[in-house]
Amino acid sequence: MGLFDFFTQEIAIDLGTANTLIIHKGKIVVDSPSIVAFDRKSGKPIAVGEQAKHMQGKTHDDIKTVRPLKDGVIADFEASEHMIKEFIKKIPGISGGFISPVLRMVICIPSGITEVEKRAVKDSAQHVNAKDIHLIYEPMAAAIGLGIDVQQPQGNMIIDIGGGTTEIAIIALGGIVCDKSVKIAGDVFTNDISYYLRTHHNLYIGERTAERVKIEVGSAVEELDEAVEDMAVQGRDLITGKPKEITVTYREIAKALDKSILRIEDAVMETLSQTPPELAADIYNTGIYMAGGGSMLRGLDKRISKKTGLPVFLADDPLRAVVKGTGIALKNMDKYRLLLK
């Protein structure tokens, strides 16, 4: 062990559009919304994560909330750098010492990312004292997190539905054979719900309310095995301008999300159509694995199973499958070195 290793701390980061998760010493130590609040006058950040999320949609002219990542990639370099820095400060054993430790990081990224976008991720990491930076594709990290042996000569299909992108990949022999990245995911579902309530109920709601509707009564199908209770939703009436409350059903939300889910289904079918026949035979036997927060939408697994004619398995902990896989890749870097970018 060299001096560099003695002062090195290892962390795995799932830098997501909606949430950022960090693993340190095998434990998830940060699980926070990817939001930063700024003071407009001074330009200085005043809150990150959960605290900034509570401000979302409720700010006055002097405060603005920013989501630094869009479609899985860094859209606001300064905000993302500050956010990562603040999250790292929350990790026990890294902050508060006389000497700031050097960081070794593995960060997961969308499979459809460009070289310029990769460089932006690495630059952000370098600004928070990271000296050894590795990147791993999200579908690969999700597969490892699901417990799949990705280095076997066997095909596995992964669908990772995050906040900004849906990543669909066929994995075999430690590599991605074919993949599709579409910008239809949790954020688009949230926007679909807002649009539906505006056009069908003349009700204007904020992003946080739309997200709560998605979680509480969201559905991909109009017929569920277990019915979900209707939900009361408050917002502003677009005609009178008064506060108003309506009741929505899961069937209505299924209609609102139908077009976006159709696009995900089309991307899944397109990826299957590009799969080499030997791997297609493997997938027929192993089925499809789903991870990511968006995969928790009620009935989505059954809808994709019906469309493809294949069994669909949802991860035990869909929200954390990607960061767990990133953490395993960090811990076993020699084993997974060829997978890292």
Protein backbone atom coordinates (compact mmCIF):
# COMPACT_ATOMS: atom_id res chain seq x y z
CA MET A 1 0.00 0.00 0.00
CA GLY A 2 1.46 3.35 -1.10
CA LEU A 3 1.00 6.76 0.52
CA PHE A 4 -1.58 7.62 -2.16
CA ASP A 5 -3.69 4.60 -1.13
CA PHE A 6 -3.48 5.54 2.56
CA PHE A 7 -5.09 8.95 1.94
CA THR A 8 -7.57 7.66 -0.66
CA GLN A 9 -11.28 7.26 -0.03
CA GLU A 10 -13.40 5.27 -2.49
CA ILE A 11 -16.93 6.29 -3.40
CA ALA A 12 -19.47 5.09 -5.98
CA ILE A 13 -21.93 7.65 -7.34
CA ASP A 14 -25.23 7.25 -9.18
CA LEU A 15 -25.54 10.80 -10.48
CA GLY A 16 -29.20 10.75 -11.46
CA THR A 17 -31.54 13.31 -13.00
CA ALA A 18 -33.98 12.93 -10.09
CA ASN A 19 -31.84 11.56 -7.24
CA THR A 20 -28.15 11.21 -6.43
CA LEU A 21 -26.97 8.20 -4.43
CA ILE A 22 -23.49 7.63 -3.03
CA ILE A 23 -21.94 4.45 -1.63
CA HIS A 24 -18.97 4.62 0.76
CA LYS A 25 -17.46 1.55 2.46
CA GLY A 26 -20.25 -0.65 1.11
CA LYS A 27 -23.09 1.48 2.51
CA ILE A 28 -25.44 3.99 0.88
CA VAL A 29 -24.50 7.19 2.73
CA VAL A 30 -26.29 9.75 0.49
CA ASP A 31 -29.72 9.39 -1.11
CA SER A 32 -30.95 12.89 -1.98
CA PRO A 33 -32.87 14.71 -4.73
CA SER A 34 -30.59 16.22 -7.41
CA ILE A 35 -31.68 19.83 -6.79
CA VAL A 36 -29.78 23.00 -5.84
CA ALA A 37 -31.35 26.27 -4.63
CA PHE A 38 -29.53 29.54 -5.48
CA ASP A 39 -29.79 33.12 -4.25
CA ARG A 40 -30.44 35.08 -7.47
CA LYS A 41 -28.79 38.28 -6.18
CA SER A 42 -25.48 36.83 -5.02
CA GLY A 43 -25.52 33.74 -7.24
CA LYS A 44 -24.52 31.64 -4.23
CA PRO A 45 -26.08 28.24 -3.51
CA ILE A 46 -28.20 28.19 -0.34
CA ALA A 47 -29.52 24.61 -0.21
CA VAL A 48 -29.06 21.21 -1.85
CA GLY A 49 -30.94 17.91 -1.88
CA GLU A 50 -34.01 17.45 0.30
CA GLN A 51 -33.92 21.02 1.65
CA ALA A 52 -33.85 22.44 -1.91
CA LYS A 53 -36.65 20.08 -2.99
CA HIS A 54 -38.94 21.48 -0.29
CA MET A 55 -38.38 24.94 -1.84
CA GLN A 56 -39.30 23.76 -5.35
CA GLY A 57 -42.37 25.56 -6.69
CA LYS A 58 -42.58 27.74 -3.57
CA THR A 59 -39.73 30.21 -4.15
CA HIS A 60 -39.92 34.01 -4.37
CA ASP A 61 -38.00 36.18 -6.87
CA ASP A 62 -34.73 36.07 -4.91
CA ILE A 63 -34.45 32.26 -4.92
CA LYS A 64 -34.34 29.85 -7.84
CA THR A 65 -34.16 26.05 -7.76
CA VAL A 66 -32.06 24.24 -10.35
CA ARG A 67 -31.87 20.60 -11.37
CA PRO A 68 -28.23 20.31 -12.56
CA LEU A 69 -28.85 17.16 -14.60
CA LYS A 70 -31.13 16.84 -17.60
CA ASP A 71 -31.76 13.56 -19.42
CA GLY A 72 -29.09 11.87 -17.30
CA VAL A 73 -26.28 14.29 -18.22
CA ILE A 74 -24.89 17.49 -16.67
CA ALA A 75 -26.81 20.54 -17.91
CA ASP A 76 -25.53 23.05 -15.33
CA PHE A 77 -21.83 22.52 -14.63
CA GLU A 78 -21.54 24.95 -11.69
CA ALA A 79 -24.66 23.64 -9.92
CA SER A 80 -23.67 19.99 -10.39
CA GLU A 81 -20.17 20.63 -9.03
CA HIS A 82 -21.57 22.35 -5.94
CA MET A 83 -24.14 19.59 -5.45
CA ILE A 84 -21.53 16.81 -5.60
CA LYS A 85 -19.26 18.75 -3.24
CA GLU A 86 -22.06 19.22 -0.67
CA PHE A 87 -23.13 15.59 -0.86
CA ILE A 88 -19.54 14.41 -0.34
CA LYS A 89 -19.31 16.65 2.76
CA LYS A 90 -22.17 14.63 4.26
CA ILE A 91 -20.19 11.37 4.09
CA PRO A 92 -18.91 10.33 7.54
CA GLY A 93 -15.13 9.91 7.61
CA ILE A 94 -14.43 12.09 4.57
CA SER A 95 -15.16 15.61 5.80
CA GLY A 96 -13.96 17.22 8.99
CA GLY A 97 -10.35 15.97 8.96
CA PHE A 98 -7.14 18.07 8.79
CA ILE A 99 -6.29 16.62 5.38
CA SER A 100 -8.86 16.35 2.62
CA PRO A 101 -8.63 12.80 1.30
CA VAL A 102 -8.01 12.07 -2.36
CA LEU A 103 -11.08 10.42 -3.89
CA ARG A 104 -11.28 7.40 -6.15
CA MET A 105 -14.68 7.42 -7.85
CA VAL A 106 -16.81 5.21 -10.03
CA ILE A 107 -19.69 7.20 -11.53
CA CYS A 108 -22.48 5.66 -13.60
CA ILE A 109 -23.57 7.35 -16.82
CA PRO A 110 -26.27 6.76 -19.50
CA SER A 111 -25.22 4.41 -22.30
CA GLY A 112 -26.17 6.99 -24.96
CA ILE A 113 -23.82 9.66 -23.58
CA THR A 114 -21.42 11.57 -25.88
CA GLU A 115 -17.66 12.03 -25.33
CA VAL A 116 -18.25 15.71 -24.49
CA GLU A 117 -20.81 14.72 -21.84
CA LYS A 118 -18.40 12.12 -20.41
CA ARG A 119 -15.74 14.83 -20.12
CA ALA A 120 -18.22 17.09 -18.25
CA VAL A 121 -18.83 14.33 -15.67
CA LYS A 122 -15.08 13.75 -15.21
CA ASP A 123 -14.38 17.49 -14.94
CA SER A 124 -17.03 17.87 -12.21
CA ALA A 125 -15.44 14.98 -10.29
CA GLN A 126 -11.93 16.43 -10.64
CA HIS A 127 -13.11 19.71 -9.08
CA VAL A 128 -14.07 17.86 -5.87
CA ASN A 129 -10.56 16.39 -5.37
CA ALA A 130 -11.10 13.15 -7.31
CA LYS A 131 -7.87 11.90 -8.83
CA ASP A 132 -8.88 8.44 -10.04
CA ILE A 133 -12.20 8.60 -11.93
CA HIS A 134 -13.93 5.72 -13.69
CA LEU A 135 -17.28 5.66 -15.48
CA ILE A 136 -19.68 2.75 -15.89
CA TYR A 137 -22.78 2.57 -18.07
CA GLU A 138 -26.08 2.53 -16.17
CA PRO A 139 -27.51 -0.70 -17.69
CA MET A 140 -24.25 -2.51 -16.85
CA ALA A 141 -24.32 -1.17 -13.27
CA ALA A 142 -27.99 -2.16 -12.97
CA ALA A 143 -27.22 -5.71 -14.16
CA ILE A 144 -24.39 -6.07 -11.61
CA GLY A 145 -26.67 -4.65 -8.90
CA LEU A 146 -29.32 -7.23 -9.82
CA GLY A 147 -26.79 -9.99 -9.18
CA ILE A 148 -26.31 -10.98 -12.83
CA ASP A 149 -22.89 -12.36 -13.79
CA VAL A 150 -22.36 -9.96 -16.70
CA GLN A 151 -19.08 -11.61 -17.79
CA GLN A 152 -20.69 -14.92 -18.72
CA PRO A 153 -21.23 -15.76 -22.42
CA GLN A 154 -24.97 -15.40 -21.92
CA GLY A 155 -27.33 -12.67 -23.07
CA ASN A 156 -29.30 -10.61 -20.55
CA MET A 157 -31.69 -7.77 -21.28
CA ILE A 158 -31.86 -4.81 -18.88
CA ILE A 159 -34.37 -1.95 -18.87
CA ASP A 160 -33.34 0.87 -16.52
CA ILE A 161 -36.01 3.58 -16.25
CA GLY A 162 -34.60 6.56 -14.37
CA GLY A 163 -35.69 10.17 -14.05
CA GLY A 164 -34.33 11.48 -17.35
CA THR A 165 -33.69 8.47 -19.59
CA THR A 166 -34.75 4.88 -20.18
CA GLU A 167 -31.73 2.70 -20.90
CA ILE A 168 -32.34 -0.59 -22.69
CA ALA A 169 -29.37 -2.90 -23.24
CA ILE A 170 -28.43 -6.43 -24.20
CA ILE A 171 -25.41 -7.46 -22.14
CA ALA A 172 -23.05 -10.41 -22.69
CA LEU A 173 -19.36 -11.17 -21.99
CA GLY A 174 -18.89 -8.00 -19.94
CA GLY A 175 -20.04 -5.65 -22.70
CA ILE A 176 -23.13 -4.02 -24.18
CA VAL A 177 -23.96 -5.79 -27.45
CA CYS A 178 -26.78 -3.46 -28.48
CA ASP A 179 -28.57 -0.71 -26.65
CA LYS A 180 -31.12 2.06 -26.95
CA SER A 181 -31.35 5.19 -24.81
CA VAL A 182 -34.61 7.15 -24.98
CA LYS A 183 -35.41 10.42 -23.21
CA ILE A 184 -38.72 9.11 -21.93
CA ALA A 185 -38.65 8.32 -18.22
CA GLY A 186 -39.92 9.48 -14.80
CA ASP A 187 -39.75 13.22 -15.57
CA VAL A 188 -41.77 12.80 -18.77
CA PHE A 189 -44.37 10.75 -16.86
CA THR A 190 -44.64 13.64 -14.36
CA ASN A 191 -45.09 16.18 -17.20
CA ASP A 192 -47.71 13.93 -18.85
CA ILE A 193 -49.76 13.98 -15.64
CA SER A 194 -49.54 17.81 -15.36
CA TYR A 195 -50.61 18.18 -19.02
CA TYR A 196 -53.52 15.75 -18.62
CA LEU A 197 -54.91 17.56 -15.55
CA ARG A 198 -54.57 20.93 -17.34
CA THR A 199 -56.36 19.78 -20.49
CA HIS A 200 -59.01 17.50 -18.95
CA HIS A 201 -59.74 19.19 -15.61
CA ASN A 202 -58.52 22.80 -16.13
CA LEU A 203 -56.32 22.23 -13.07
CA TYR A 204 -52.85 23.71 -12.94
CA ILE A 205 -50.53 21.81 -10.59
CA GLY A 206 -46.83 22.03 -9.75
CA GLU A 207 -44.12 19.48 -10.44
CA ARG A 208 -44.03 18.17 -6.86
CA THR A 209 -47.80 17.54 -6.86
CA ALA A 210 -47.62 15.79 -10.24
CA GLU A 211 -44.84 13.56 -8.91
CA ARG A 212 -46.95 12.69 -5.85
CA VAL A 213 -49.88 11.76 -8.15
CA LYS A 214 -47.52 9.53 -10.16
CA ILE A 215 -46.31 7.72 -7.03
CA GLU A 216 -49.70 7.36 -5.32
CA VAL A 217 -52.04 6.53 -8.24
CA GLY A 218 -49.71 6.13 -11.22
CA SER A 219 -50.41 3.13 -13.47
CA ALA A 220 -49.31 1.82 -16.86
CA VAL A 221 -52.52 -0.17 -17.42
CA GLU A 222 -56.20 0.61 -16.98
CA GLU A 223 -56.94 -2.70 -15.26
CA LEU A 224 -54.89 -3.56 -12.17
CA ASP A 225 -55.11 -6.76 -10.12
CA GLU A 226 -55.37 -4.65 -6.98
CA ALA A 227 -57.36 -1.43 -7.32
CA VAL A 228 -55.73 1.78 -6.12
CA GLU A 229 -57.74 4.32 -4.14
CA ASP A 230 -58.67 7.57 -5.91
CA MET A 231 -56.60 10.60 -4.95
CA ALA A 232 -57.63 14.17 -4.13
CA VAL A 233 -55.45 16.68 -5.99
CA GLN A 234 -55.32 20.41 -5.24
CA GLY A 235 -54.17 23.13 -7.60
CA ARG A 236 -55.32 26.30 -9.34
CA ASP A 237 -58.38 26.44 -11.57
CA LEU A 238 -57.24 27.76 -14.96
CA ILE A 239 -60.62 29.38 -15.68
CA THR A 240 -61.51 31.08 -12.38
CA GLY A 241 -58.00 31.38 -10.92
CA LYS A 242 -59.28 30.01 -7.59
CA PRO A 243 -57.72 27.12 -5.65
CA LYS A 244 -59.53 23.91 -6.57
CA GLU A 245 -59.61 20.21 -5.68
CA ILE A 246 -60.46 17.28 -7.94
CA THR A 247 -60.33 13.50 -7.57
CA VAL A 248 -58.26 11.41 -10.02
CA THR A 249 -58.29 7.65 -10.61
CA TYR A 250 -55.46 5.34 -11.63
CA ARG A 251 -57.32 4.67 -14.90
CA GLU A 252 -57.09 8.36 -15.80
CA ILE A 253 -53.35 8.39 -15.08
CA ALA A 254 -52.90 5.26 -17.23
CA LYS A 255 -54.52 7.19 -20.13
CA ALA A 256 -52.26 10.19 -19.45
CA LEU A 257 -49.10 8.04 -19.60
CA ASP A 258 -50.11 5.78 -22.48
CA LYS A 259 -48.24 7.58 -25.32
CA SER A 260 -44.95 7.78 -23.38
CA ILE A 261 -45.13 4.10 -22.39
CA LEU A 262 -45.82 3.19 -26.03
CA ARG A 263 -42.52 4.87 -26.97
CA ILE A 264 -40.67 2.84 -24.32
CA GLU A 265 -42.32 -0.33 -25.67
CA ASP A 266 -41.23 0.59 -29.22
CA ALA A 267 -37.63 1.10 -28.02
CA VAL A 268 -37.70 -2.32 -26.29
CA MET A 269 -38.98 -3.99 -29.47
CA GLU A 270 -36.37 -2.18 -31.58
CA THR A 271 -33.56 -3.37 -29.28
CA LEU A 272 -34.87 -6.94 -29.44
CA SER A 273 -34.98 -6.73 -33.25
CA GLN A 274 -31.24 -5.82 -33.29
CA THR A 275 -30.24 -8.67 -30.94
CA PRO A 276 -28.05 -11.43 -32.45
CA PRO A 277 -30.01 -14.73 -32.67
CA GLU A 278 -27.89 -16.63 -30.12
CA LEU A 279 -28.43 -13.90 -27.53
CA ALA A 280 -32.14 -13.69 -28.44
CA ALA A 281 -32.36 -17.40 -27.56
CA ASP A 282 -30.76 -16.67 -24.16
CA ILE A 283 -33.19 -13.80 -23.48
CA TYR A 284 -36.12 -16.08 -24.34
CA ASN A 285 -34.99 -18.28 -21.44
CA THR A 286 -33.82 -15.60 -18.96
CA GLY A 287 -36.47 -12.92 -19.61
CA ILE A 288 -36.13 -9.16 -19.12
CA TYR A 289 -34.86 -7.41 -15.97
CA MET A 290 -36.16 -3.98 -14.94
CA ALA A 291 -34.59 -1.44 -12.57
CA GLY A 292 -34.79 2.29 -11.83
CA GLY A 293 -37.48 4.35 -10.10
CA GLY A 294 -39.67 4.54 -13.23
CA SER A 295 -39.93 0.73 -13.37
CA MET A 296 -42.00 0.88 -10.14
CA LEU A 297 -44.98 2.29 -12.07
CA ARG A 298 -47.87 -0.09 -11.38
CA GLY A 299 -48.49 -2.64 -14.13
CA LEU A 300 -45.52 -1.55 -16.28
CA ASP A 301 -43.75 -4.92 -15.93
CA LYS A 302 -46.91 -6.77 -17.01
CA ARG A 303 -47.47 -4.40 -19.92
CA ILE A 304 -43.93 -4.92 -21.26
CA SER A 305 -44.25 -8.68 -20.69
CA LYS A 306 -47.48 -8.70 -22.75
CA LYS A 307 -45.86 -6.67 -25.53
CA THR A 308 -42.69 -8.80 -25.78
CA GLY A 309 -44.13 -12.20 -24.85
CA LEU A 310 -41.26 -12.57 -22.35
CA PRO A 311 -41.22 -12.79 -18.55
CA VAL A 312 -40.26 -9.48 -16.88
CA PHE A 313 -38.54 -9.40 -13.49
CA LEU A 314 -38.49 -6.25 -11.36
CA ALA A 315 -35.44 -5.64 -9.15
CA ASP A 316 -35.99 -6.12 -5.39
CA ASP A 317 -34.85 -2.54 -4.79
CA PRO A 318 -35.30 -0.79 -8.18
CA LEU A 319 -34.23 2.67 -6.95
CA ARG A 320 -30.88 1.41 -5.64
CA ALA A 321 -29.97 -1.34 -8.13
CA VAL A 322 -27.76 0.99 -10.21
CA VAL A 323 -25.81 2.47 -7.27
CA LYS A 324 -25.39 -1.00 -5.73
CA GLY A 325 -23.91 -2.25 -9.01
CA THR A 326 -21.64 0.80 -9.17
CA GLY A 327 -20.49 0.05 -5.61
CA ILE A 328 -19.76 -3.60 -6.48
CA ALA A 329 -17.73 -2.48 -9.53
CA LEU A 330 -15.74 -0.11 -7.27
CA LYS A 331 -15.08 -2.81 -4.68
CA ASN A 332 -14.01 -5.37 -7.31
CA MET A 333 -12.22 -3.02 -9.69
CA ASP A 334 -9.74 -5.64 -10.92
CA LYS A 335 -12.59 -8.00 -11.87
CA TYR A 336 -14.63 -5.31 -13.64
CA ARG A 337 -11.78 -3.16 -15.00
CA LEU A 338 -12.70 -3.85 -18.65
CA LEU A 339 -16.25 -2.60 -17.99
CA LEU A 340 -15.08 0.79 -16.72
CA LYS A 341 -14.57 3.75 -19.02
